[in-house]
Amino acid sequence: MHSITDLATLRDALRDFCAARDWHRFHTPKNLVMALSVEAAELVEHFQWATPEESMNLAPGKRAEVADEIADVLIYLTELADVLGIDPIAAAREKIGKNAIKYPPPL
């Protein structure tokens, strides 16, 4: 098992996990983005009727469930980026730069 400490080792662990199960044939961009959407919706479900205060103060069991959903979202997003050959850190860095121009801080 990989020691997962960053996105590269997460990507490698996911590659090995999927290869061991012959899942790569199912992991097309279309399928991965659909799975990502489902997992993001499952994450939203945990907060759907919560007040802002409740959403900031999750009970331990709820927090563990939210952590699982965050993991699912990250896993599918990492696999999607890998399949498409996109470096998610570089993409995020570029997007933050674009957002800094689009949304400058108030004077």
C-alpha atoms as a PDB file:
ATOM      1  CA  MET A   1       0.000   0.000   0.000  1.00  0.00           C
ATOM      2  CA  HIS A   2       1.193   3.481  -0.840  1.00  0.00           C
ATOM      3  CA  SER A   3       1.941   6.043   1.805  1.00  0.00           C
ATOM      4  CA  ILE A   4      -0.426   8.714   0.527  1.00  0.00           C
ATOM      5  CA  THR A   5       0.974  12.121   1.412  1.00  0.00           C
ATOM      6  CA  ASP A   6       0.191  14.274  -1.648  1.00  0.00           C
ATOM      7  CA  LEU A   7      -1.780  14.246  -4.881  1.00  0.00           C
ATOM      8  CA  ALA A   8       0.927  12.350  -6.782  1.00  0.00           C
ATOM      9  CA  THR A   9       0.971   9.466  -4.320  1.00  0.00           C
ATOM     10  CA  LEU A  10      -2.839   9.507  -4.185  1.00  0.00           C
ATOM     11  CA  ARG A  11      -2.927   9.291  -7.992  1.00  0.00           C
ATOM     12  CA  ASP A  12      -0.457   6.402  -7.964  1.00  0.00           C
ATOM     13  CA  ALA A  13      -2.395   4.543  -5.266  1.00  0.00           C
ATOM     14  CA  LEU A  14      -5.605   4.967  -7.255  1.00  0.00           C
ATOM     15  CA  ARG A  15      -3.910   3.718 -10.420  1.00  0.00           C
ATOM     16  CA  ASP A  16      -2.760   0.585  -8.596  1.00  0.00           C
ATOM     17  CA  PHE A  17      -6.138   0.084  -6.886  1.00  0.00           C
ATOM     18  CA  CYS A  18      -8.020   0.311 -10.183  1.00  0.00           C
ATOM     19  CA  ALA A  19      -5.497  -1.817 -12.084  1.00  0.00           C
ATOM     20  CA  ALA A  20      -5.780  -4.610  -9.499  1.00  0.00           C
ATOM     21  CA  ARG A  21      -9.532  -4.691 -10.119  1.00  0.00           C
ATOM     22  CA  ASP A  22      -9.406  -4.059 -13.893  1.00  0.00           C
ATOM     23  CA  TRP A  23     -11.541  -0.950 -13.443  1.00  0.00           C
ATOM     24  CA  HIS A  24      -9.603   1.281 -15.837  1.00  0.00           C
ATOM     25  CA  ARG A  25     -11.844   0.234 -18.706  1.00  0.00           C
ATOM     26  CA  PHE A  26     -14.783   1.784 -16.853  1.00  0.00           C
ATOM     27  CA  HIS A  27     -12.966   4.955 -15.856  1.00  0.00           C
ATOM     28  CA  THR A  28     -13.669   7.077 -18.905  1.00  0.00           C
ATOM     29  CA  PRO A  29     -13.986  10.840 -18.477  1.00  0.00           C
ATOM     30  CA  LYS A  30     -17.769  10.548 -18.940  1.00  0.00           C
ATOM     31  CA  ASN A  31     -18.153   7.890 -16.255  1.00  0.00           C
ATOM     32  CA  LEU A  32     -15.780   9.593 -13.846  1.00  0.00           C
ATOM     33  CA  VAL A  33     -17.470  12.978 -14.111  1.00  0.00           C
ATOM     34  CA  MET A  34     -20.864  11.353 -13.578  1.00  0.00           C
ATOM     35  CA  ALA A  35     -19.571   9.550 -10.483  1.00  0.00           C
ATOM     36  CA  LEU A  36     -17.991  12.792  -9.265  1.00  0.00           C
ATOM     37  CA  SER A  37     -21.331  14.557  -9.639  1.00  0.00           C
ATOM     38  CA  VAL A  38     -23.111  11.845  -7.632  1.00  0.00           C
ATOM     39  CA  GLU A  39     -20.537  11.997  -4.847  1.00  0.00           C
ATOM     40  CA  ALA A  40     -20.693  15.807  -4.734  1.00  0.00           C
ATOM     41  CA  ALA A  41     -24.494  15.550  -4.404  1.00  0.00           C
ATOM     42  CA  GLU A  42     -24.055  13.065  -1.537  1.00  0.00           C
ATOM     43  CA  LEU A  43     -21.789  15.612   0.158  1.00  0.00           C
ATOM     44  CA  VAL A  44     -24.397  18.344  -0.331  1.00  0.00           C
ATOM     45  CA  GLU A  45     -27.029  16.104   1.223  1.00  0.00           C
ATOM     46  CA  HIS A  46     -25.270  16.290   4.603  1.00  0.00           C
ATOM     47  CA  PHE A  47     -25.733  20.066   4.675  1.00  0.00           C
ATOM     48  CA  GLN A  48     -29.053  20.415   2.856  1.00  0.00           C
ATOM     49  CA  TRP A  49     -31.224  21.512   5.793  1.00  0.00           C
ATOM     50  CA  ALA A  50     -28.513  22.562   8.235  1.00  0.00           C
ATOM     51  CA  THR A  51     -28.308  26.074   9.583  1.00  0.00           C
ATOM     52  CA  PRO A  52     -25.010  27.886   9.059  1.00  0.00           C
ATOM     53  CA  GLU A  53     -24.169  27.192  12.699  1.00  0.00           C
ATOM     54  CA  GLU A  54     -25.003  23.473  12.395  1.00  0.00           C
ATOM     55  CA  SER A  55     -22.882  23.204   9.265  1.00  0.00           C
ATOM     56  CA  MET A  56     -19.896  24.622  11.161  1.00  0.00           C
ATOM     57  CA  ASN A  57     -20.328  22.318  14.181  1.00  0.00           C
ATOM     58  CA  LEU A  58     -20.771  18.769  12.934  1.00  0.00           C
ATOM     59  CA  ALA A  59     -21.284  15.955  15.400  1.00  0.00           C
ATOM     60  CA  PRO A  60     -18.428  13.410  15.304  1.00  0.00           C
ATOM     61  CA  GLY A  61     -20.476  10.797  13.415  1.00  0.00           C
ATOM     62  CA  LYS A  62     -21.678  13.344  10.854  1.00  0.00           C
ATOM     63  CA  ARG A  63     -18.141  14.683  10.493  1.00  0.00           C
ATOM     64  CA  ALA A  64     -16.890  11.155   9.696  1.00  0.00           C
ATOM     65  CA  GLU A  65     -19.631  10.734   7.067  1.00  0.00           C
ATOM     66  CA  VAL A  66     -18.727  14.102   5.518  1.00  0.00           C
ATOM     67  CA  ALA A  67     -15.045  13.085   5.499  1.00  0.00           C
ATOM     68  CA  ASP A  68     -15.966   9.931   3.545  1.00  0.00           C
ATOM     69  CA  GLU A  69     -17.874  11.978   0.968  1.00  0.00           C
ATOM     70  CA  ILE A  70     -15.019  14.474   0.663  1.00  0.00           C
ATOM     71  CA  ALA A  71     -12.692  11.512   0.071  1.00  0.00           C
ATOM     72  CA  ASP A  72     -15.003  10.145  -2.645  1.00  0.00           C
ATOM     73  CA  VAL A  73     -15.091  13.542  -4.385  1.00  0.00           C
ATOM     74  CA  LEU A  74     -11.306  13.882  -4.188  1.00  0.00           C
ATOM     75  CA  ILE A  75     -10.775  10.338  -5.460  1.00  0.00           C
ATOM     76  CA  TYR A  76     -13.001  10.763  -8.510  1.00  0.00           C
ATOM     77  CA  LEU A  77     -11.604  14.234  -9.234  1.00  0.00           C
ATOM     78  CA  THR A  78      -8.052  12.886  -9.021  1.00  0.00           C
ATOM     79  CA  GLU A  79      -8.892   9.996 -11.334  1.00  0.00           C
ATOM     80  CA  LEU A  80     -10.601  12.332 -13.823  1.00  0.00           C
ATOM     81  CA  ALA A  81      -7.591  14.645 -13.893  1.00  0.00           C
ATOM     82  CA  ASP A  82      -5.291  11.639 -14.352  1.00  0.00           C
ATOM     83  CA  VAL A  83      -7.304  10.188 -17.237  1.00  0.00           C
ATOM     84  CA  LEU A  84      -7.352  13.584 -18.968  1.00  0.00           C
ATOM     85  CA  GLY A  85      -3.678  14.302 -18.285  1.00  0.00           C
ATOM     86  CA  ILE A  86      -4.452  17.452 -16.282  1.00  0.00           C
ATOM     87  CA  ASP A  87      -2.270  18.465 -13.344  1.00  0.00           C
ATOM     88  CA  PRO A  88      -4.891  19.600 -10.805  1.00  0.00           C
ATOM     89  CA  ILE A  89      -2.394  21.663  -8.792  1.00  0.00           C
ATOM     90  CA  ALA A  90      -1.248  23.533 -11.902  1.00  0.00           C
ATOM     91  CA  ALA A  91      -4.875  23.991 -12.989  1.00  0.00           C
ATOM     92  CA  ALA A  92      -5.810  25.368  -9.554  1.00  0.00           C
ATOM     93  CA  ARG A  93      -2.795  27.689  -9.536  1.00  0.00           C
ATOM     94  CA  GLU A  94      -3.756  29.047 -12.961  1.00  0.00           C
ATOM     95  CA  LYS A  95      -7.404  29.443 -11.934  1.00  0.00           C
ATOM     96  CA  ILE A  96      -6.455  31.352  -8.766  1.00  0.00           C
ATOM     97  CA  GLY A  97      -4.405  33.703 -10.955  1.00  0.00           C
ATOM     98  CA  LYS A  98      -7.373  34.238 -13.274  1.00  0.00           C
ATOM     99  CA  ASN A  99      -9.667  34.827 -10.293  1.00  0.00           C
ATOM    100  CA  ALA A 100      -7.228  37.383  -8.830  1.00  0.00           C
ATOM    101  CA  ILE A 101      -7.548  39.399 -12.021  1.00  0.00           C
ATOM    102  CA  LYS A 102     -11.304  38.927 -12.307  1.00  0.00           C
ATOM    103  CA  TYR A 103     -11.971  39.671  -8.620  1.00  0.00           C
ATOM    104  CA  PRO A 104      -9.388  42.176  -7.358  1.00  0.00           C
ATOM    105  CA  PRO A 105      -9.475  43.005  -3.652  1.00  0.00           C
ATOM    106  CA  PRO A 106     -11.380  46.154  -2.716  1.00  0.00           C
ATOM    107  CA  LEU A 107      -9.328  49.307  -2.431  1.00  0.00           C
END
